[in-house]
Amino acid sequence: MDFGITIKPDISIDRILSLTRQAENSGFSFGWMFDSHVIWKEPFPLLTLMAANTKKMRLGTCVTNPAVRDVTVSASLFATLNLASHGRMELGIGRGDSSRRVLGKKPTTLETLEEFVRIFRNLNGGKTVDLDGVPTTFPWANGEIPRVWVAGYGPKALRTAGRIGDGVILQFADPDLIDWCLGFVREGAKEAGRDFGKIEVMSAAPIWASDDLKTAREHVRWFPALVSNHVMDLISKYKPEELPPALTSYVKDRGKYDYLHHCEVGSDNADFVTDEVVDRFCVIGPIEEHRKKLDRLRKVGVTQFNIYLMCGDEEKTLDIYKHKILPHY
């Protein structure tokens, strides 16, 4: 199983680069960046610097979306970064959450996402694309196509990931829910005549290593609150029997969500989140419990565990995983 980190770009640029270098030197093979250009720093200059400060780590967005930038802009950004990084770029993409909602807009459609991915791959692959009747190509691109990871929670999005994704991004560390999700990814792969076994599976979640469970939970409680935004979307689109209660029931007492405190330790966005949900969605507790959870994730098909590195003591977290977790995988 591979390991990655995701950085929230609300810290200094120097610290972003320091954490990236430390992660690569600790054995992490993926470095991801949140893309929410209003509430945090623009990710692409940061990814450029991350590429210049690493040698092997693969880099990408976790996640961008099809709506905040024209597809030709996003495709050009990745094609350029692929040249700068010598082919180390990865595209993580979803329908759009905070970067859309903070502007008062809704996430885009799966159809738009799928069309974006088609054009993105063709342009990065050196092909000519018809855009509103205009033949469009990148004559300077090297033809290398970044792998595409599709984020999703609901059956439709997960089937889309199975149809078009090189990987799927699942934002929680609950093995049972991941197993439920992968059933739909398999269906999508089968519909497209693809080999499900070749689709990478990412579990992305925050962690906290400590024997003090009370403290650990408070450092990661913000995460199920983040997930609740997607759950509310699912509840509005699916019948209750189509979704597992383990995913939907915890939002019944959810209040208003303030995106200006998105992914923030201690935010009152997470007041409704119970300890039970925290324990399922995140990886916390003594190191032995981390290993047990990671083993369960690997058993259900996870190929990459991506740490949301934004809970405090990030350098210490990387050091703990370097010495006590990664050598076992």
Protein backbone atom coordinates (compact mmCIF):
# COMPACT_ATOMS: atom_id res chain seq x y z
CA MET A 1 0.00 0.00 0.00
CA ASP A 2 1.28 3.45 -0.94
CA PHE A 3 1.13 6.41 1.42
CA GLY A 4 0.47 10.05 0.60
CA ILE A 5 -0.16 13.37 2.29
CA THR A 6 -2.59 16.14 1.52
CA ILE A 7 -1.73 19.69 2.54
CA LYS A 8 -4.28 22.41 3.18
CA PRO A 9 -2.71 25.57 1.69
CA ASP A 10 -3.43 27.83 4.66
CA ILE A 11 0.08 27.59 6.10
CA SER A 12 3.21 29.40 4.98
CA ILE A 13 4.75 28.44 1.66
CA ASP A 14 8.06 27.66 3.34
CA ARG A 15 6.32 25.21 5.69
CA ILE A 16 4.42 23.58 2.82
CA LEU A 17 7.73 22.87 1.12
CA SER A 18 9.38 21.72 4.32
CA LEU A 19 6.56 19.23 5.00
CA THR A 20 6.70 18.01 1.41
CA ARG A 21 10.43 17.37 1.59
CA GLN A 22 10.07 15.66 4.96
CA ALA A 23 7.27 13.45 3.63
CA GLU A 24 9.29 12.35 0.61
CA ASN A 25 12.33 11.65 2.77
CA SER A 26 10.09 9.66 5.13
CA GLY A 27 8.89 7.34 2.37
CA PHE A 28 5.61 8.93 1.33
CA SER A 29 5.17 8.54 -2.42
CA PHE A 30 2.30 10.98 -3.07
CA GLY A 31 1.88 14.67 -2.26
CA TRP A 32 -1.57 16.16 -2.77
CA MET A 33 -2.90 19.70 -2.45
CA PHE A 34 -6.42 20.89 -1.67
CA ASP A 35 -7.87 23.15 -4.39
CA SER A 36 -10.12 25.85 -2.96
CA HIS A 37 -8.73 29.06 -4.39
CA VAL A 38 -10.89 31.51 -2.43
CA ILE A 39 -10.53 30.31 1.15
CA TRP A 40 -6.93 29.11 0.71
CA LYS A 41 -3.94 29.78 -1.54
CA GLU A 42 -4.07 28.88 -5.23
CA PRO A 43 -2.67 25.32 -5.47
CA PHE A 44 -0.86 25.34 -8.81
CA PRO A 45 2.03 27.68 -7.95
CA LEU A 46 2.44 25.61 -4.79
CA LEU A 47 2.49 22.36 -6.77
CA THR A 48 5.14 23.91 -9.00
CA LEU A 49 7.32 24.61 -5.97
CA MET A 50 6.61 21.14 -4.57
CA ALA A 51 7.78 19.64 -7.87
CA ALA A 52 10.98 21.67 -7.71
CA ASN A 53 11.62 20.51 -4.14
CA THR A 54 11.09 16.78 -4.68
CA LYS A 55 12.60 14.07 -6.86
CA LYS A 56 10.27 11.07 -6.86
CA MET A 57 7.03 12.03 -5.12
CA ARG A 58 3.98 12.09 -7.37
CA LEU A 59 1.97 15.30 -7.04
CA GLY A 60 -1.57 16.43 -7.70
CA THR A 61 -4.85 17.98 -6.64
CA CYS A 62 -7.09 16.35 -4.08
CA VAL A 63 -9.30 17.60 -5.54
CA THR A 64 -9.89 20.14 -8.29
CA ASN A 65 -13.17 20.40 -10.20
CA PRO A 66 -14.34 21.09 -13.78
CA ALA A 67 -15.96 24.45 -13.08
CA VAL A 68 -13.61 27.01 -11.52
CA ARG A 69 -11.14 26.95 -14.42
CA ASP A 70 -11.68 26.44 -18.12
CA VAL A 71 -10.74 22.91 -19.12
CA THR A 72 -8.00 24.22 -21.43
CA VAL A 73 -6.49 26.14 -18.50
CA SER A 74 -6.50 23.12 -16.21
CA ALA A 75 -5.15 20.85 -18.93
CA SER A 76 -2.37 23.34 -19.69
CA LEU A 77 -1.48 23.64 -16.01
CA PHE A 78 -1.06 19.89 -15.68
CA ALA A 79 0.76 19.49 -18.98
CA THR A 80 3.22 22.22 -17.93
CA LEU A 81 3.66 20.74 -14.46
CA ASN A 82 4.19 17.32 -16.00
CA LEU A 83 7.12 18.75 -17.95
CA ALA A 84 8.50 20.48 -14.85
CA SER A 85 8.16 17.37 -12.69
CA HIS A 86 9.34 14.91 -15.36
CA GLY A 87 6.00 13.11 -15.53
CA ARG A 88 5.02 13.03 -11.85
CA MET A 89 1.59 14.72 -11.98
CA GLU A 90 -1.76 13.17 -10.94
CA LEU A 91 -5.21 14.72 -11.43
CA GLY A 92 -7.62 14.33 -8.54
CA ILE A 93 -11.04 15.66 -9.50
CA GLY A 94 -14.56 15.88 -8.14
CA ARG A 95 -17.75 17.85 -8.74
CA GLY A 96 -16.61 20.76 -6.55
CA ASP A 97 -17.32 21.44 -2.90
CA SER A 98 -15.76 24.35 -1.02
CA SER A 99 -14.37 26.13 -4.08
CA ARG A 100 -17.89 26.29 -5.51
CA ARG A 101 -20.05 26.65 -2.41
CA VAL A 102 -18.03 29.52 -0.93
CA LEU A 103 -19.00 31.44 -4.09
CA GLY A 104 -22.66 30.56 -3.63
CA LYS A 105 -22.60 27.98 -6.42
CA LYS A 106 -23.52 24.32 -6.50
CA PRO A 107 -21.22 21.45 -7.45
CA THR A 108 -21.20 20.74 -11.17
CA THR A 109 -22.67 17.64 -12.82
CA LEU A 110 -21.07 14.26 -13.35
CA GLU A 111 -21.63 14.69 -17.08
CA THR A 112 -19.55 17.88 -16.99
CA LEU A 113 -16.87 16.08 -15.01
CA GLU A 114 -16.74 13.22 -17.50
CA GLU A 115 -16.47 15.59 -20.47
CA PHE A 116 -13.74 17.53 -18.68
CA VAL A 117 -11.72 14.34 -18.18
CA ARG A 118 -12.11 13.38 -21.85
CA ILE A 119 -10.83 16.74 -23.07
CA PHE A 120 -8.11 16.86 -20.41
CA ARG A 121 -6.70 13.50 -21.48
CA ASN A 122 -6.82 14.32 -25.17
CA LEU A 123 -5.07 17.67 -24.78
CA ASN A 124 -2.39 16.22 -22.48
CA GLY A 125 -1.98 13.34 -24.91
CA GLY A 126 -1.18 15.70 -27.80
CA LYS A 127 -4.49 15.16 -29.58
CA THR A 128 -6.64 17.80 -31.25
CA VAL A 129 -9.99 18.53 -29.59
CA ASP A 130 -12.97 20.30 -31.13
CA LEU A 131 -14.01 23.05 -28.71
CA ASP A 132 -17.07 24.94 -29.92
CA GLY A 133 -15.99 24.31 -33.49
CA VAL A 134 -12.38 25.35 -32.93
CA PRO A 135 -9.70 22.64 -33.34
CA THR A 136 -7.54 22.93 -30.21
CA THR A 137 -4.23 21.25 -29.41
CA PHE A 138 -1.13 21.72 -27.24
CA PRO A 139 1.75 21.46 -29.73
CA TRP A 140 4.27 21.77 -26.91
CA ALA A 141 2.91 19.02 -24.62
CA ASN A 142 5.02 15.89 -24.24
CA GLY A 143 2.07 13.53 -24.64
CA GLU A 144 2.24 12.10 -21.13
CA ILE A 145 -1.24 11.92 -19.58
CA PRO A 146 -1.51 12.31 -15.79
CA ARG A 147 -3.50 9.59 -14.11
CA VAL A 148 -7.03 10.66 -13.20
CA TRP A 149 -8.47 10.00 -9.75
CA VAL A 150 -12.22 10.59 -9.41
CA ALA A 151 -13.66 11.50 -6.00
CA GLY A 152 -17.15 10.41 -5.08
CA TYR A 153 -19.56 9.10 -2.45
CA GLY A 154 -22.84 8.24 -4.17
CA PRO A 155 -23.58 5.34 -6.52
CA LYS A 156 -23.62 7.51 -9.66
CA ALA A 157 -20.30 9.22 -8.93
CA LEU A 158 -18.70 5.92 -7.96
CA ARG A 159 -19.87 4.26 -11.17
CA THR A 160 -18.39 7.23 -13.05
CA ALA A 161 -15.09 6.62 -11.27
CA GLY A 162 -15.24 3.00 -12.37
CA ARG A 163 -15.94 3.99 -15.98
CA ILE A 164 -13.32 6.68 -16.44
CA GLY A 165 -10.93 6.81 -13.48
CA ASP A 166 -7.44 5.45 -13.13
CA GLY A 167 -8.18 5.73 -9.43
CA VAL A 168 -11.02 6.53 -7.04
CA ILE A 169 -10.78 8.87 -4.05
CA LEU A 170 -12.83 7.90 -0.98
CA GLN A 171 -12.77 10.49 1.77
CA PHE A 172 -13.00 8.35 4.89
CA ALA A 173 -11.17 5.48 6.52
CA ASP A 174 -14.20 3.31 7.27
CA PRO A 175 -13.44 -0.12 5.75
CA ASP A 176 -17.12 -1.16 5.63
CA LEU A 177 -18.19 2.01 3.80
CA ILE A 178 -15.23 1.72 1.43
CA ASP A 179 -16.29 -1.84 0.64
CA TRP A 180 -19.82 -0.55 -0.10
CA CYS A 181 -18.40 2.18 -2.36
CA LEU A 182 -16.20 -0.19 -4.31
CA GLY A 183 -19.20 -2.27 -5.30
CA PHE A 184 -20.39 0.65 -7.44
CA VAL A 185 -16.88 1.28 -8.80
CA ARG A 186 -16.85 -2.35 -9.94
CA GLU A 187 -20.21 -1.86 -11.64
CA GLY A 188 -18.91 1.18 -13.51
CA ALA A 189 -15.77 -0.63 -14.60
CA LYS A 190 -17.85 -3.55 -15.84
CA GLU A 191 -20.15 -1.22 -17.82
CA ALA A 192 -17.10 0.24 -19.56
CA GLY A 193 -15.43 -3.12 -20.16
CA ARG A 194 -12.57 -2.19 -17.86
CA ASP A 195 -10.55 -4.29 -15.43
CA PHE A 196 -11.53 -3.17 -11.92
CA GLY A 197 -8.30 -4.65 -10.60
CA LYS A 198 -6.33 -1.96 -12.42
CA ILE A 199 -8.18 0.91 -10.70
CA GLU A 200 -6.28 2.41 -7.76
CA VAL A 201 -8.22 3.00 -4.54
CA MET A 202 -7.40 5.88 -2.20
CA SER A 203 -8.64 6.21 1.36
CA ALA A 204 -8.12 9.83 2.45
CA ALA A 205 -8.53 10.87 6.10
CA PRO A 206 -6.82 12.67 8.98
CA ILE A 207 -4.94 10.79 11.66
CA TRP A 208 -3.77 11.34 15.22
CA ALA A 209 -1.44 8.97 17.01
CA SER A 210 -1.91 9.03 20.78
CA ASP A 211 -3.08 6.94 23.70
CA ASP A 212 -5.26 9.93 24.68
CA LEU A 213 -8.40 9.25 22.63
CA LYS A 214 -10.23 12.34 23.86
CA THR A 215 -7.49 14.64 22.58
CA ALA A 216 -7.08 12.64 19.39
CA ARG A 217 -10.76 12.93 18.53
CA GLU A 218 -10.74 16.70 18.98
CA HIS A 219 -7.90 17.05 16.48
CA VAL A 220 -9.82 15.22 13.73
CA ARG A 221 -13.51 15.88 14.53
CA TRP A 222 -13.64 18.47 11.74
CA PHE A 223 -13.29 15.72 9.12
CA PRO A 224 -16.69 13.98 9.40
CA ALA A 225 -18.15 17.50 9.32
CA LEU A 226 -16.43 18.05 5.97
CA VAL A 227 -17.84 14.74 4.71
CA SER A 228 -21.32 15.79 5.86
CA ASN A 229 -21.52 18.34 3.03
CA HIS A 230 -21.36 15.51 0.52
CA VAL A 231 -23.72 13.36 2.58
CA MET A 232 -26.35 16.10 2.52
CA ASP A 233 -26.10 16.11 -1.27
CA LEU A 234 -26.61 12.35 -1.35
CA ILE A 235 -29.66 12.52 0.91
CA SER A 236 -31.26 15.02 -1.46
CA LYS A 237 -30.75 12.73 -4.47
CA TYR A 238 -31.26 9.17 -3.27
CA LYS A 239 -33.92 7.23 -1.43
CA PRO A 240 -32.97 6.32 2.16
CA GLU A 241 -32.80 2.62 1.33
CA GLU A 242 -30.24 3.32 -1.40
CA LEU A 243 -27.66 4.61 1.07
CA PRO A 244 -26.10 2.94 4.13
CA PRO A 245 -27.21 4.36 7.50
CA ALA A 246 -23.55 4.28 8.58
CA LEU A 247 -22.98 7.09 6.07
CA THR A 248 -26.16 9.13 6.44
CA SER A 249 -27.54 8.86 9.97
CA TYR A 250 -24.92 11.02 11.69
CA VAL A 251 -25.98 14.25 9.91
CA LYS A 252 -29.47 14.40 11.43
CA ASP A 253 -28.39 17.05 13.99
CA ARG A 254 -26.10 18.93 11.61
CA GLY A 255 -26.31 22.72 11.70
CA LYS A 256 -25.18 25.34 9.23
CA TYR A 257 -21.71 24.79 7.77
CA ASP A 258 -19.34 27.77 7.54
CA TYR A 259 -16.85 27.27 4.70
CA LEU A 260 -14.61 29.99 6.08
CA HIS A 261 -13.82 27.46 8.84
CA HIS A 262 -13.52 24.50 6.47
CA CYS A 263 -11.17 21.75 7.70
CA GLU A 264 -10.40 23.67 10.87
CA VAL A 265 -9.46 21.95 14.12
CA GLY A 266 -11.86 23.05 16.85
CA SER A 267 -14.41 24.57 14.47
CA ASP A 268 -18.03 24.52 15.69
CA ASN A 269 -18.88 23.07 12.26
CA ALA A 270 -18.16 19.74 13.94
CA ASP A 271 -20.23 20.12 17.11
CA PHE A 272 -22.74 17.51 15.90
CA VAL A 273 -20.15 14.81 15.14
CA THR A 274 -20.09 11.94 17.65
CA ASP A 275 -17.06 10.04 18.89
CA GLU A 276 -18.33 6.89 17.16
CA VAL A 277 -18.30 8.59 13.76
CA VAL A 278 -14.87 10.10 14.39
CA ASP A 279 -13.49 6.66 15.21
CA ARG A 280 -14.92 5.14 12.02
CA PHE A 281 -14.01 7.91 9.58
CA CYS A 282 -10.51 8.68 10.87
CA VAL A 283 -7.41 6.81 12.05
CA ILE A 284 -6.65 7.59 15.69
CA GLY A 285 -5.31 6.06 18.89
CA PRO A 286 -2.16 4.07 19.69
CA ILE A 287 0.10 3.00 16.83
CA GLU A 288 -1.14 -0.58 17.02
CA GLU A 289 -4.67 0.65 16.29
CA HIS A 290 -3.37 2.52 13.25
CA ARG A 291 -1.82 -0.68 11.94
CA LYS A 292 -5.03 -2.62 12.52
CA LYS A 293 -7.14 -0.03 10.67
CA LEU A 294 -4.65 0.22 7.80
CA ASP A 295 -4.58 -3.57 7.49
CA ARG A 296 -8.37 -3.61 7.25
CA LEU A 297 -8.28 -0.87 4.61
CA ARG A 298 -5.74 -2.79 2.56
CA LYS A 299 -7.82 -5.95 2.88
CA VAL A 300 -10.90 -4.29 1.34
CA GLY A 301 -8.84 -3.00 -1.60
CA VAL A 302 -7.24 0.31 -0.61
CA THR A 303 -3.98 0.83 -2.51
CA GLN A 304 -3.10 4.27 -1.10
CA PHE A 305 -3.71 5.77 2.31
CA ASN A 306 -3.63 9.55 2.04
CA ILE A 307 -3.13 11.44 5.31
CA TYR A 308 -4.94 14.77 5.54
CA LEU A 309 -1.98 16.47 7.16
CA MET A 310 -3.72 19.40 8.84
CA CYS A 311 -4.45 18.51 12.46
CA GLY A 312 -1.43 20.06 14.19
CA ASP A 313 2.04 18.62 14.96
CA GLU A 314 2.41 17.70 11.28
CA GLU A 315 6.16 17.18 11.48
CA LYS A 316 5.72 14.83 14.43
CA THR A 317 2.99 12.90 12.58
CA LEU A 318 5.30 12.36 9.60
CA ASP A 319 8.10 11.21 11.88
CA ILE A 320 5.84 8.72 13.67
CA TYR A 321 4.66 7.22 10.40
CA LYS A 322 8.20 7.13 9.00
CA HIS A 323 9.46 4.99 11.88
CA LYS A 324 6.41 3.05 13.08
CA ILE A 325 4.01 2.61 10.15
CA LEU A 326 5.60 2.79 6.69
CA PRO A 327 8.25 0.10 7.35
CA HIS A 328 5.38 -2.39 7.83
CA TYR A 329 3.94 -1.67 4.37
